[in-house]
Amino acid sequence: MGDPDGRTGDPLTVLRMSADPTIDPDVLERAVSGLAGGEESVLARAAAEGLPEPADIAEWVWASRYTTETVRLSGHQIVLRGTTPPDGGGSGYPAQNPNRVLSQGFLNDVYMDLYREGGDLPSGIDETTEAPVFTIIAGATVLQNILKNNEDIRQDNRFAYMGTKDNPMTPLFPGMPVRRRNYGGFIYEIDPYPRKFTFAGGVFTEIRPFISSSTTKGTKWEQNPAYKAAPIIETIIWHEDTYQSLAVNTVSNPAPGWTFNPQNWMGEFTPRNILHETCNPDGTILFFRALFADASRPVNPAVGWSILSLDCPANLDLEDCNGYAT
């Protein structure tokens, strides 16, 4: 999924986990359909190569899926270049290198477009003005840059009312706070792993957050310096009406006299004892298998916004003993 547009073609896609998590694709493929038990089993080999816990795999897969589908089905794919940023308009990010950071001024303009284009179900309501408040999913550097460049927002102590736990205004996850800090009409969900890219030859190339290296036993995964240095970062203005993720119906009675086991398509790894003439003749080796599938149904793409902007290096504010930056 290196393509920032996240195009998948068929709206109903069984996820193969080819490269969704930041793990070698071959390792993931072996992990999903592989064997567990025994030093030579596929899952054992994958674990030796740095495979994370199964729950982590599922989390990465779905996070990547929801991100790419939100971007793919958004009606606005913006590249912040020049004073009039180009908009892919639902066809993907324009093949232009961004040369602007995300600003509150631009977000102010988007806010009104979002409101006018049908974003009538906001994430919250401003406690003071009762104006709608929308959600931004962004890297921490994006929010820090906006706060640094906007003194009024830094000093604004307004909050957004998010409903109550018993009667939420939006489908919040259990345990989420119902009162959030409101920055210029938006609340921020900080993504520690926002998608980041380089741009060359008219092509965006996604840079993964982690890289692997061999150790005396297995493989270790560390933060990728190229990810931190990647100059382009993606920000998503999330609205629940952009699209719906539909669950797959389980076929349990395909025909008279035939029954299928109900399936969980959410990526839950389950053990299977599958007999095989050569690799598991005695039924002493367990297989672990997970299924991933959903379908994406566009609802109102006009309220979906994804933005590529510059991610400038942080100012470390380092000074010498005399107070001069060197």
C-alpha atoms as a PDB file:
ATOM      1  CA  MET A   1       0.000   0.000   0.000  1.00  0.00           C
ATOM      2  CA  GLY A   2       2.690   2.473  -0.946  1.00  0.00           C
ATOM      3  CA  ASP A   3       0.220   4.391  -3.097  1.00  0.00           C
ATOM      4  CA  PRO A   4      -1.122   7.246  -0.943  1.00  0.00           C
ATOM      5  CA  ASP A   5      -4.447   7.040  -2.732  1.00  0.00           C
ATOM      6  CA  GLY A   6      -4.909   3.553  -1.329  1.00  0.00           C
ATOM      7  CA  ARG A   7      -6.702   2.265  -4.426  1.00  0.00           C
ATOM      8  CA  THR A   8      -7.878  -1.335  -4.203  1.00  0.00           C
ATOM      9  CA  GLY A   9     -10.223  -1.778  -7.158  1.00  0.00           C
ATOM     10  CA  ASP A  10     -12.852  -4.274  -5.996  1.00  0.00           C
ATOM     11  CA  PRO A  11     -14.943  -2.629  -3.231  1.00  0.00           C
ATOM     12  CA  LEU A  12     -15.047  -5.936  -1.337  1.00  0.00           C
ATOM     13  CA  THR A  13     -11.490  -6.928  -0.574  1.00  0.00           C
ATOM     14  CA  VAL A  14     -10.207  -9.853   1.429  1.00  0.00           C
ATOM     15  CA  LEU A  15      -7.079  -8.402   2.928  1.00  0.00           C
ATOM     16  CA  ARG A  16      -3.988 -10.458   2.157  1.00  0.00           C
ATOM     17  CA  MET A  17      -1.800  -8.443   4.529  1.00  0.00           C
ATOM     18  CA  SER A  18       0.690  -8.003   1.705  1.00  0.00           C
ATOM     19  CA  ALA A  19       2.279  -4.912   3.221  1.00  0.00           C
ATOM     20  CA  ASP A  20      -0.207  -3.263   5.555  1.00  0.00           C
ATOM     21  CA  PRO A  21       1.860  -3.540   8.753  1.00  0.00           C
ATOM     22  CA  THR A  22       5.458  -2.415   8.764  1.00  0.00           C
ATOM     23  CA  ILE A  23       6.669  -5.968   8.439  1.00  0.00           C
ATOM     24  CA  ASP A  24       8.142  -7.835   5.522  1.00  0.00           C
ATOM     25  CA  PRO A  25       5.225  -8.943   3.295  1.00  0.00           C
ATOM     26  CA  ASP A  26       6.480 -12.511   2.963  1.00  0.00           C
ATOM     27  CA  VAL A  27       6.691 -12.813   6.728  1.00  0.00           C
ATOM     28  CA  LEU A  28       3.096 -11.695   7.093  1.00  0.00           C
ATOM     29  CA  GLU A  29       1.790 -13.988   4.401  1.00  0.00           C
ATOM     30  CA  ARG A  30       3.473 -16.940   6.031  1.00  0.00           C
ATOM     31  CA  ALA A  31       2.149 -15.865   9.424  1.00  0.00           C
ATOM     32  CA  VAL A  32      -1.464 -15.686   8.327  1.00  0.00           C
ATOM     33  CA  SER A  33      -1.654 -19.086   6.664  1.00  0.00           C
ATOM     34  CA  GLY A  34       1.279 -20.751   8.370  1.00  0.00           C
ATOM     35  CA  LEU A  35       1.876 -23.395  10.950  1.00  0.00           C
ATOM     36  CA  ALA A  36       2.591 -22.973  14.633  1.00  0.00           C
ATOM     37  CA  GLY A  37       4.561 -25.520  16.596  1.00  0.00           C
ATOM     38  CA  GLY A  38       7.930 -26.970  15.783  1.00  0.00           C
ATOM     39  CA  GLU A  39      11.136 -25.166  14.957  1.00  0.00           C
ATOM     40  CA  GLU A  40      10.575 -25.524  11.214  1.00  0.00           C
ATOM     41  CA  SER A  41       6.956 -24.368  11.143  1.00  0.00           C
ATOM     42  CA  VAL A  42       6.103 -21.338   9.050  1.00  0.00           C
ATOM     43  CA  LEU A  43       4.802 -19.280  11.976  1.00  0.00           C
ATOM     44  CA  ALA A  44       7.829 -20.240  14.062  1.00  0.00           C
ATOM     45  CA  ARG A  45      10.128 -19.081  11.268  1.00  0.00           C
ATOM     46  CA  ALA A  46       8.125 -15.870  10.911  1.00  0.00           C
ATOM     47  CA  ALA A  47       8.382 -15.250  14.664  1.00  0.00           C
ATOM     48  CA  ALA A  48      12.136 -15.716  14.458  1.00  0.00           C
ATOM     49  CA  GLU A  49      12.188 -13.082  11.738  1.00  0.00           C
ATOM     50  CA  GLY A  50      10.499 -10.462  13.903  1.00  0.00           C
ATOM     51  CA  LEU A  51       6.775 -11.199  13.743  1.00  0.00           C
ATOM     52  CA  PRO A  52       4.759  -9.262  16.355  1.00  0.00           C
ATOM     53  CA  GLU A  53       1.859 -10.599  18.362  1.00  0.00           C
ATOM     54  CA  PRO A  54      -1.204 -11.644  16.306  1.00  0.00           C
ATOM     55  CA  ALA A  55      -3.284  -8.866  17.900  1.00  0.00           C
ATOM     56  CA  ASP A  56      -0.691  -6.334  16.734  1.00  0.00           C
ATOM     57  CA  ILE A  57      -0.935  -7.691  13.194  1.00  0.00           C
ATOM     58  CA  ALA A  58      -4.711  -7.262  13.178  1.00  0.00           C
ATOM     59  CA  GLU A  59      -4.413  -3.733  14.576  1.00  0.00           C
ATOM     60  CA  TRP A  60      -1.914  -2.713  11.896  1.00  0.00           C
ATOM     61  CA  VAL A  61      -3.972  -4.271   9.106  1.00  0.00           C
ATOM     62  CA  TRP A  62      -7.208  -2.552  10.057  1.00  0.00           C
ATOM     63  CA  ALA A  63      -5.543   0.789  10.788  1.00  0.00           C
ATOM     64  CA  SER A  64      -3.944   0.704   7.358  1.00  0.00           C
ATOM     65  CA  ARG A  65      -7.179  -0.412   5.723  1.00  0.00           C
ATOM     66  CA  TYR A  66      -9.283   2.331   7.288  1.00  0.00           C
ATOM     67  CA  THR A  67      -6.665   4.967   6.480  1.00  0.00           C
ATOM     68  CA  THR A  68      -6.297   4.044   2.824  1.00  0.00           C
ATOM     69  CA  GLU A  69     -10.033   3.615   2.327  1.00  0.00           C
ATOM     70  CA  THR A  70     -10.762   6.983   3.939  1.00  0.00           C
ATOM     71  CA  VAL A  71      -8.264   8.648   1.630  1.00  0.00           C
ATOM     72  CA  ARG A  72      -9.417   6.709  -1.438  1.00  0.00           C
ATOM     73  CA  LEU A  73     -13.079   7.552  -0.886  1.00  0.00           C
ATOM     74  CA  SER A  74     -12.588  11.162   0.201  1.00  0.00           C
ATOM     75  CA  GLY A  75     -13.972  13.762  -2.122  1.00  0.00           C
ATOM     76  CA  HIS A  76     -10.957  15.993  -1.507  1.00  0.00           C
ATOM     77  CA  GLN A  77      -7.294  14.957  -1.794  1.00  0.00           C
ATOM     78  CA  ILE A  78      -5.270  18.106  -1.292  1.00  0.00           C
ATOM     79  CA  VAL A  79      -1.596  18.744  -1.968  1.00  0.00           C
ATOM     80  CA  LEU A  80      -0.473  21.932  -0.239  1.00  0.00           C
ATOM     81  CA  ARG A  81       1.474  23.540  -3.040  1.00  0.00           C
ATOM     82  CA  GLY A  82       1.400  27.225  -3.815  1.00  0.00           C
ATOM     83  CA  THR A  83      -1.305  29.663  -2.804  1.00  0.00           C
ATOM     84  CA  THR A  84      -4.051  27.618  -4.469  1.00  0.00           C
ATOM     85  CA  PRO A  85      -3.446  23.998  -3.452  1.00  0.00           C
ATOM     86  CA  PRO A  86      -4.582  21.472  -6.075  1.00  0.00           C
ATOM     87  CA  ASP A  87      -7.398  19.088  -5.170  1.00  0.00           C
ATOM     88  CA  GLY A  88      -7.644  15.608  -6.656  1.00  0.00           C
ATOM     89  CA  GLY A  89     -11.409  15.777  -6.187  1.00  0.00           C
ATOM     90  CA  GLY A  90     -11.759  12.077  -5.438  1.00  0.00           C
ATOM     91  CA  SER A  91      -9.310  10.908  -8.100  1.00  0.00           C
ATOM     92  CA  GLY A  92      -6.275  10.746  -5.828  1.00  0.00           C
ATOM     93  CA  TYR A  93      -3.549  13.144  -4.822  1.00  0.00           C
ATOM     94  CA  PRO A  94      -2.333  15.346  -7.692  1.00  0.00           C
ATOM     95  CA  ALA A  95       1.219  14.411  -8.689  1.00  0.00           C
ATOM     96  CA  GLN A  96       2.791  17.584  -7.318  1.00  0.00           C
ATOM     97  CA  ASN A  97       5.348  18.059  -4.580  1.00  0.00           C
ATOM     98  CA  PRO A  98       3.885  19.947  -1.593  1.00  0.00           C
ATOM     99  CA  ASN A  99       5.784  23.065  -0.538  1.00  0.00           C
ATOM    100  CA  ARG A 100       3.572  24.384   2.289  1.00  0.00           C
ATOM    101  CA  VAL A 101       2.915  23.347   5.878  1.00  0.00           C
ATOM    102  CA  LEU A 102      -0.656  22.873   7.047  1.00  0.00           C
ATOM    103  CA  SER A 103      -1.956  26.160   8.458  1.00  0.00           C
ATOM    104  CA  GLN A 104      -4.933  27.201  10.558  1.00  0.00           C
ATOM    105  CA  GLY A 105      -5.900  29.610   7.798  1.00  0.00           C
ATOM    106  CA  PHE A 106      -6.291  26.716   5.378  1.00  0.00           C
ATOM    107  CA  LEU A 107      -8.216  24.716   7.970  1.00  0.00           C
ATOM    108  CA  ASN A 108     -10.557  27.676   8.497  1.00  0.00           C
ATOM    109  CA  ASP A 109     -11.400  27.568   4.793  1.00  0.00           C
ATOM    110  CA  VAL A 110     -11.876  23.788   4.860  1.00  0.00           C
ATOM    111  CA  TYR A 111     -14.079  24.100   7.949  1.00  0.00           C
ATOM    112  CA  MET A 112     -16.693  26.155   6.110  1.00  0.00           C
ATOM    113  CA  ASP A 113     -16.561  23.932   3.024  1.00  0.00           C
ATOM    114  CA  LEU A 114     -17.012  20.874   5.224  1.00  0.00           C
ATOM    115  CA  TYR A 115     -19.957  22.491   6.988  1.00  0.00           C
ATOM    116  CA  ARG A 116     -21.608  23.504   3.703  1.00  0.00           C
ATOM    117  CA  GLU A 117     -21.023  20.162   1.990  1.00  0.00           C
ATOM    118  CA  GLY A 118     -23.112  18.232   4.481  1.00  0.00           C
ATOM    119  CA  GLY A 119     -20.934  17.765   7.532  1.00  0.00           C
ATOM    120  CA  ASP A 120     -23.999  18.303   9.714  1.00  0.00           C
ATOM    121  CA  LEU A 121     -23.060  15.483  12.099  1.00  0.00           C
ATOM    122  CA  PRO A 122     -19.942  16.863  13.770  1.00  0.00           C
ATOM    123  CA  SER A 123     -17.704  15.200  16.311  1.00  0.00           C
ATOM    124  CA  GLY A 124     -18.761  17.718  18.954  1.00  0.00           C
ATOM    125  CA  ILE A 125     -20.173  21.155  19.682  1.00  0.00           C
ATOM    126  CA  ASP A 126     -18.256  24.239  20.800  1.00  0.00           C
ATOM    127  CA  GLU A 127     -19.300  24.912  24.385  1.00  0.00           C
ATOM    128  CA  THR A 128     -19.243  28.681  23.866  1.00  0.00           C
ATOM    129  CA  THR A 129     -20.596  29.222  20.355  1.00  0.00           C
ATOM    130  CA  GLU A 130     -22.426  25.912  19.825  1.00  0.00           C
ATOM    131  CA  ALA A 131     -20.690  25.691  16.445  1.00  0.00           C
ATOM    132  CA  PRO A 132     -19.834  22.224  15.117  1.00  0.00           C
ATOM    133  CA  VAL A 133     -16.404  20.818  15.891  1.00  0.00           C
ATOM    134  CA  PHE A 134     -14.775  18.298  13.543  1.00  0.00           C
ATOM    135  CA  THR A 135     -12.007  15.722  13.993  1.00  0.00           C
ATOM    136  CA  ILE A 136      -8.500  15.830  12.551  1.00  0.00           C
ATOM    137  CA  ILE A 137      -6.229  12.782  12.571  1.00  0.00           C
ATOM    138  CA  ALA A 138      -2.690  14.130  12.381  1.00  0.00           C
ATOM    139  CA  GLY A 139       0.876  13.679  13.459  1.00  0.00           C
ATOM    140  CA  ALA A 140       2.000  15.529  16.574  1.00  0.00           C
ATOM    141  CA  THR A 141       4.286  17.792  14.532  1.00  0.00           C
ATOM    142  CA  VAL A 142       1.303  19.105  12.563  1.00  0.00           C
ATOM    143  CA  LEU A 143      -0.551  20.238  15.677  1.00  0.00           C
ATOM    144  CA  GLN A 144       2.617  21.620  17.261  1.00  0.00           C
ATOM    145  CA  ASN A 145       3.314  23.720  14.174  1.00  0.00           C
ATOM    146  CA  ILE A 146      -0.236  25.111  14.114  1.00  0.00           C
ATOM    147  CA  LEU A 147      -0.065  26.032  17.804  1.00  0.00           C
ATOM    148  CA  LYS A 148       3.378  27.605  17.391  1.00  0.00           C
ATOM    149  CA  ASN A 149       2.189  29.811  14.530  1.00  0.00           C
ATOM    150  CA  ASN A 150      -1.145  30.835  16.097  1.00  0.00           C
ATOM    151  CA  GLU A 151      -0.940  32.582  19.443  1.00  0.00           C
ATOM    152  CA  ASP A 152      -4.711  33.037  19.641  1.00  0.00           C
ATOM    153  CA  ILE A 153      -5.284  29.293  19.369  1.00  0.00           C
ATOM    154  CA  ARG A 154      -2.566  28.556  21.926  1.00  0.00           C
ATOM    155  CA  GLN A 155      -4.310  30.766  24.463  1.00  0.00           C
ATOM    156  CA  ASP A 156      -7.859  29.682  23.599  1.00  0.00           C
ATOM    157  CA  ASN A 157      -9.219  27.535  26.393  1.00  0.00           C
ATOM    158  CA  ARG A 158     -12.474  26.584  24.707  1.00  0.00           C
ATOM    159  CA  PHE A 159     -13.600  22.973  24.762  1.00  0.00           C
ATOM    160  CA  ALA A 160     -15.845  20.841  22.623  1.00  0.00           C
ATOM    161  CA  TYR A 161     -18.844  19.120  24.178  1.00  0.00           C
ATOM    162  CA  MET A 162     -18.838  15.488  23.038  1.00  0.00           C
ATOM    163  CA  GLY A 163     -22.132  14.325  24.538  1.00  0.00           C
ATOM    164  CA  THR A 164     -22.486  12.045  27.552  1.00  0.00           C
ATOM    165  CA  LYS A 165     -21.389   8.483  28.110  1.00  0.00           C
ATOM    166  CA  ASP A 166     -25.010   7.363  28.281  1.00  0.00           C
ATOM    167  CA  ASN A 167     -26.157   9.434  25.337  1.00  0.00           C
ATOM    168  CA  PRO A 168     -23.201  10.298  23.131  1.00  0.00           C
ATOM    169  CA  MET A 169     -23.657  12.674  20.228  1.00  0.00           C
ATOM    170  CA  THR A 170     -21.276  10.576  18.167  1.00  0.00           C
ATOM    171  CA  PRO A 171     -20.349   6.883  18.268  1.00  0.00           C
ATOM    172  CA  LEU A 172     -17.354   7.322  20.579  1.00  0.00           C
ATOM    173  CA  PHE A 173     -15.348   4.362  21.748  1.00  0.00           C
ATOM    174  CA  PRO A 174     -16.001   3.276  25.353  1.00  0.00           C
ATOM    175  CA  GLY A 175     -13.834   5.200  27.754  1.00  0.00           C
ATOM    176  CA  MET A 176     -13.182   8.156  25.449  1.00  0.00           C
ATOM    177  CA  PRO A 177     -13.502  11.539  27.146  1.00  0.00           C
ATOM    178  CA  VAL A 178     -16.682  13.503  26.483  1.00  0.00           C
ATOM    179  CA  ARG A 179     -15.024  16.922  26.733  1.00  0.00           C
ATOM    180  CA  ARG A 180     -12.092  17.692  24.454  1.00  0.00           C
ATOM    181  CA  ARG A 181      -9.836  20.671  23.771  1.00  0.00           C
ATOM    182  CA  ASN A 182     -11.073  22.617  20.772  1.00  0.00           C
ATOM    183  CA  TYR A 183      -8.452  24.128  18.457  1.00  0.00           C
ATOM    184  CA  GLY A 184      -9.993  26.457  15.902  1.00  0.00           C
ATOM    185  CA  GLY A 185     -13.079  24.320  15.332  1.00  0.00           C
ATOM    186  CA  PHE A 186     -11.250  20.990  15.363  1.00  0.00           C
ATOM    187  CA  ILE A 187     -10.302  18.363  17.891  1.00  0.00           C
ATOM    188  CA  TYR A 188      -7.115  16.434  17.220  1.00  0.00           C
ATOM    189  CA  GLU A 189      -6.505  12.711  17.374  1.00  0.00           C
ATOM    190  CA  ILE A 190      -2.714  12.330  17.361  1.00  0.00           C
ATOM    191  CA  ASP A 191      -1.517   9.460  15.203  1.00  0.00           C
ATOM    192  CA  PRO A 192       1.967   8.307  16.268  1.00  0.00           C
ATOM    193  CA  TYR A 193       2.463   6.743  12.829  1.00  0.00           C
ATOM    194  CA  PRO A 194       0.957   9.125  10.254  1.00  0.00           C
ATOM    195  CA  ARG A 195       1.720   8.161   6.697  1.00  0.00           C
ATOM    196  CA  LYS A 196       4.802   9.953   5.370  1.00  0.00           C
ATOM    197  CA  PHE A 197       6.145  10.149   1.844  1.00  0.00           C
ATOM    198  CA  THR A 198       8.878  11.279  -0.451  1.00  0.00           C
ATOM    199  CA  PHE A 199       8.174  12.584  -3.957  1.00  0.00           C
ATOM    200  CA  ALA A 200      10.304  11.992  -7.045  1.00  0.00           C
ATOM    201  CA  GLY A 201       9.542  11.576 -10.730  1.00  0.00           C
ATOM    202  CA  GLY A 202       5.871  12.384 -10.197  1.00  0.00           C
ATOM    203  CA  VAL A 203       5.429   9.504  -7.740  1.00  0.00           C
ATOM    204  CA  PHE A 204       4.723   9.502  -3.994  1.00  0.00           C
ATOM    205  CA  THR A 205       6.639   6.795  -2.139  1.00  0.00           C
ATOM    206  CA  GLU A 206       5.477   5.860   1.344  1.00  0.00           C
ATOM    207  CA  ILE A 207       8.224   5.548   3.964  1.00  0.00           C
ATOM    208  CA  ARG A 208       7.559   2.953   6.646  1.00  0.00           C
ATOM    209  CA  PRO A 209       8.020   3.863  10.334  1.00  0.00           C
ATOM    210  CA  PHE A 210      10.257   0.912  11.157  1.00  0.00           C
ATOM    211  CA  ILE A 211      13.185  -0.960   9.661  1.00  0.00           C
ATOM    212  CA  SER A 212      14.483  -4.382  10.548  1.00  0.00           C
ATOM    213  CA  SER A 213      17.984  -5.638  11.175  1.00  0.00           C
ATOM    214  CA  SER A 214      19.385  -9.032  12.033  1.00  0.00           C
ATOM    215  CA  THR A 215      20.478  -9.852  15.559  1.00  0.00           C
ATOM    216  CA  THR A 216      22.246 -12.831  17.087  1.00  0.00           C
ATOM    217  CA  LYS A 217      18.787 -14.341  17.522  1.00  0.00           C
ATOM    218  CA  GLY A 218      15.995 -13.269  15.226  1.00  0.00           C
ATOM    219  CA  THR A 219      15.293  -9.762  13.969  1.00  0.00           C
ATOM    220  CA  LYS A 220      14.767  -6.442  15.671  1.00  0.00           C
ATOM    221  CA  TRP A 221      12.628  -3.554  14.490  1.00  0.00           C
ATOM    222  CA  GLU A 222      13.679   0.035  15.098  1.00  0.00           C
ATOM    223  CA  GLN A 223      12.448   3.481  14.140  1.00  0.00           C
ATOM    224  CA  ASN A 224      13.335   4.243  10.553  1.00  0.00           C
ATOM    225  CA  PRO A 225      15.476   7.406  10.302  1.00  0.00           C
ATOM    226  CA  ALA A 226      14.148   7.895   6.777  1.00  0.00           C
ATOM    227  CA  TYR A 227      10.607   7.987   8.167  1.00  0.00           C
ATOM    228  CA  LYS A 228      11.471  10.749  10.608  1.00  0.00           C
ATOM    229  CA  ALA A 229      13.223  12.686   7.846  1.00  0.00           C
ATOM    230  CA  ALA A 230      10.527  12.158   5.188  1.00  0.00           C
ATOM    231  CA  PRO A 231       9.415  15.645   4.084  1.00  0.00           C
ATOM    232  CA  ILE A 232       5.733  14.933   3.329  1.00  0.00           C
ATOM    233  CA  ILE A 233       3.096  14.057   5.942  1.00  0.00           C
ATOM    234  CA  GLU A 234      -0.561  13.111   5.590  1.00  0.00           C
ATOM    235  CA  THR A 235      -3.387  14.633   7.626  1.00  0.00           C
ATOM    236  CA  ILE A 236      -6.983  13.409   7.532  1.00  0.00           C
ATOM    237  CA  ILE A 237     -10.053  15.445   8.431  1.00  0.00           C
ATOM    238  CA  TRP A 238     -12.259  12.580   9.534  1.00  0.00           C
ATOM    239  CA  HIS A 239     -16.007  12.493   9.226  1.00  0.00           C
ATOM    240  CA  GLU A 240     -18.037   9.372   9.813  1.00  0.00           C
ATOM    241  CA  ASP A 241     -20.230  10.045   6.773  1.00  0.00           C
ATOM    242  CA  THR A 242     -17.352   9.747   4.301  1.00  0.00           C
ATOM    243  CA  TYR A 243     -17.926   6.016   3.953  1.00  0.00           C
ATOM    244  CA  GLN A 244     -19.166   2.971   5.826  1.00  0.00           C
ATOM    245  CA  SER A 245     -17.198  -0.192   6.488  1.00  0.00           C
ATOM    246  CA  LEU A 246     -19.561  -3.120   5.981  1.00  0.00           C
ATOM    247  CA  ALA A 247     -19.132  -6.516   7.604  1.00  0.00           C
ATOM    248  CA  VAL A 248     -19.172  -9.677   5.530  1.00  0.00           C
ATOM    249  CA  ASN A 249     -22.117 -12.010   5.939  1.00  0.00           C
ATOM    250  CA  THR A 250     -21.155 -15.512   7.042  1.00  0.00           C
ATOM    251  CA  VAL A 251     -22.489 -18.298   4.844  1.00  0.00           C
ATOM    252  CA  SER A 252     -23.314 -21.198   7.137  1.00  0.00           C
ATOM    253  CA  ASN A 253     -25.949 -23.075   5.095  1.00  0.00           C
ATOM    254  CA  PRO A 254     -24.982 -22.832   1.414  1.00  0.00           C
ATOM    255  CA  ALA A 255     -27.280 -25.665   0.317  1.00  0.00           C
ATOM    256  CA  PRO A 256     -29.482 -28.405   1.785  1.00  0.00           C
ATOM    257  CA  GLY A 257     -27.329 -30.952   3.553  1.00  0.00           C
ATOM    258  CA  TRP A 258     -24.250 -28.698   3.630  1.00  0.00           C
ATOM    259  CA  THR A 259     -23.020 -26.544   6.496  1.00  0.00           C
ATOM    260  CA  PHE A 260     -20.074 -24.167   6.831  1.00  0.00           C
ATOM    261  CA  ASN A 261     -18.516 -23.018  10.078  1.00  0.00           C
ATOM    262  CA  PRO A 262     -19.271 -19.361  10.906  1.00  0.00           C
ATOM    263  CA  GLN A 263     -16.250 -17.168  10.204  1.00  0.00           C
ATOM    264  CA  ASN A 264     -14.831 -14.128  11.971  1.00  0.00           C
ATOM    265  CA  TRP A 265     -13.542 -11.698   9.351  1.00  0.00           C
ATOM    266  CA  MET A 266     -11.995  -9.242  11.839  1.00  0.00           C
ATOM    267  CA  GLY A 267      -8.548 -10.834  11.940  1.00  0.00           C
ATOM    268  CA  GLU A 268      -8.854 -13.032  14.995  1.00  0.00           C
ATOM    269  CA  PHE A 269      -6.144 -15.700  14.916  1.00  0.00           C
ATOM    270  CA  THR A 270      -7.583 -19.117  15.758  1.00  0.00           C
ATOM    271  CA  PRO A 271      -5.771 -22.453  16.092  1.00  0.00           C
ATOM    272  CA  ARG A 272      -6.624 -25.222  13.639  1.00  0.00           C
ATOM    273  CA  ASN A 273      -5.495 -28.826  13.876  1.00  0.00           C
ATOM    274  CA  ILE A 274      -5.446 -29.803  10.229  1.00  0.00           C
ATOM    275  CA  LEU A 275      -4.253 -33.273   9.374  1.00  0.00           C
ATOM    276  CA  HIS A 276      -1.815 -33.590   6.504  1.00  0.00           C
ATOM    277  CA  GLU A 277      -0.210 -36.695   5.077  1.00  0.00           C
ATOM    278  CA  THR A 278       3.338 -35.423   5.383  1.00  0.00           C
ATOM    279  CA  CYS A 279       3.537 -32.280   7.513  1.00  0.00           C
ATOM    280  CA  ASN A 280       0.970 -33.127  10.197  1.00  0.00           C
ATOM    281  CA  PRO A 281       0.090 -36.839  10.000  1.00  0.00           C
ATOM    282  CA  ASP A 282      -0.387 -37.243  13.773  1.00  0.00           C
ATOM    283  CA  GLY A 283      -2.311 -34.038  14.441  1.00  0.00           C
ATOM    284  CA  THR A 284       0.383 -32.650  16.732  1.00  0.00           C
ATOM    285  CA  ILE A 285       0.971 -29.342  14.925  1.00  0.00           C
ATOM    286  CA  LEU A 286      -1.437 -26.437  15.131  1.00  0.00           C
ATOM    287  CA  PHE A 287      -2.211 -24.104  12.270  1.00  0.00           C
ATOM    288  CA  PHE A 288      -3.048 -20.445  13.073  1.00  0.00           C
ATOM    289  CA  ARG A 289      -5.296 -18.647  10.634  1.00  0.00           C
ATOM    290  CA  ALA A 290      -6.944 -15.224  10.465  1.00  0.00           C
ATOM    291  CA  LEU A 291      -9.434 -13.815   7.970  1.00  0.00           C
ATOM    292  CA  PHE A 292      -9.744 -10.153   7.057  1.00  0.00           C
ATOM    293  CA  ALA A 293     -12.538  -8.754   4.953  1.00  0.00           C
ATOM    294  CA  ASP A 294     -14.899  -5.810   4.739  1.00  0.00           C
ATOM    295  CA  ALA A 295     -16.615  -3.779   2.055  1.00  0.00           C
ATOM    296  CA  SER A 296     -16.514  -0.003   1.670  1.00  0.00           C
ATOM    297  CA  ARG A 297     -19.716   1.870   0.814  1.00  0.00           C
ATOM    298  CA  PRO A 298     -19.328   5.588   0.029  1.00  0.00           C
ATOM    299  CA  VAL A 299     -21.881   7.745   1.837  1.00  0.00           C
ATOM    300  CA  ASN A 300     -20.952  11.406   1.332  1.00  0.00           C
ATOM    301  CA  PRO A 301     -17.402  11.676  -0.047  1.00  0.00           C
ATOM    302  CA  ALA A 302     -17.696  15.481  -0.082  1.00  0.00           C
ATOM    303  CA  VAL A 303     -17.122  15.549   3.698  1.00  0.00           C
ATOM    304  CA  GLY A 304     -13.888  13.568   3.402  1.00  0.00           C
ATOM    305  CA  TRP A 305     -10.637  15.537   3.325  1.00  0.00           C
ATOM    306  CA  SER A 306      -7.074  14.215   3.144  1.00  0.00           C
ATOM    307  CA  ILE A 307      -4.090  16.538   2.938  1.00  0.00           C
ATOM    308  CA  LEU A 308      -0.413  16.168   2.052  1.00  0.00           C
ATOM    309  CA  SER A 309       1.814  18.900   3.429  1.00  0.00           C
ATOM    310  CA  LEU A 310       5.408  19.564   4.390  1.00  0.00           C
ATOM    311  CA  ASP A 311       6.636  18.062   7.636  1.00  0.00           C
ATOM    312  CA  CYS A 312       9.438  20.418   8.566  1.00  0.00           C
ATOM    313  CA  PRO A 313      12.259  19.379  10.926  1.00  0.00           C
ATOM    314  CA  ALA A 314      11.653  20.363  14.531  1.00  0.00           C
ATOM    315  CA  ASN A 315      13.417  23.401  15.955  1.00  0.00           C
ATOM    316  CA  LEU A 316      15.319  21.905  18.878  1.00  0.00           C
ATOM    317  CA  ASP A 317      15.980  25.335  20.445  1.00  0.00           C
ATOM    318  CA  LEU A 318      19.553  24.380  21.299  1.00  0.00           C
ATOM    319  CA  GLU A 319      21.767  27.213  22.505  1.00  0.00           C
ATOM    320  CA  ASP A 320      25.311  27.576  23.715  1.00  0.00           C
ATOM    321  CA  CYS A 321      26.301  28.994  27.110  1.00  0.00           C
ATOM    322  CA  ASN A 322      25.882  32.543  25.810  1.00  0.00           C
ATOM    323  CA  GLY A 323      22.350  31.938  24.596  1.00  0.00           C
ATOM    324  CA  TYR A 324      23.233  31.747  20.898  1.00  0.00           C
ATOM    325  CA  ALA A 325      21.879  29.067  18.602  1.00  0.00           C
ATOM    326  CA  THR A 326      24.687  27.213  16.898  1.00  0.00           C
END
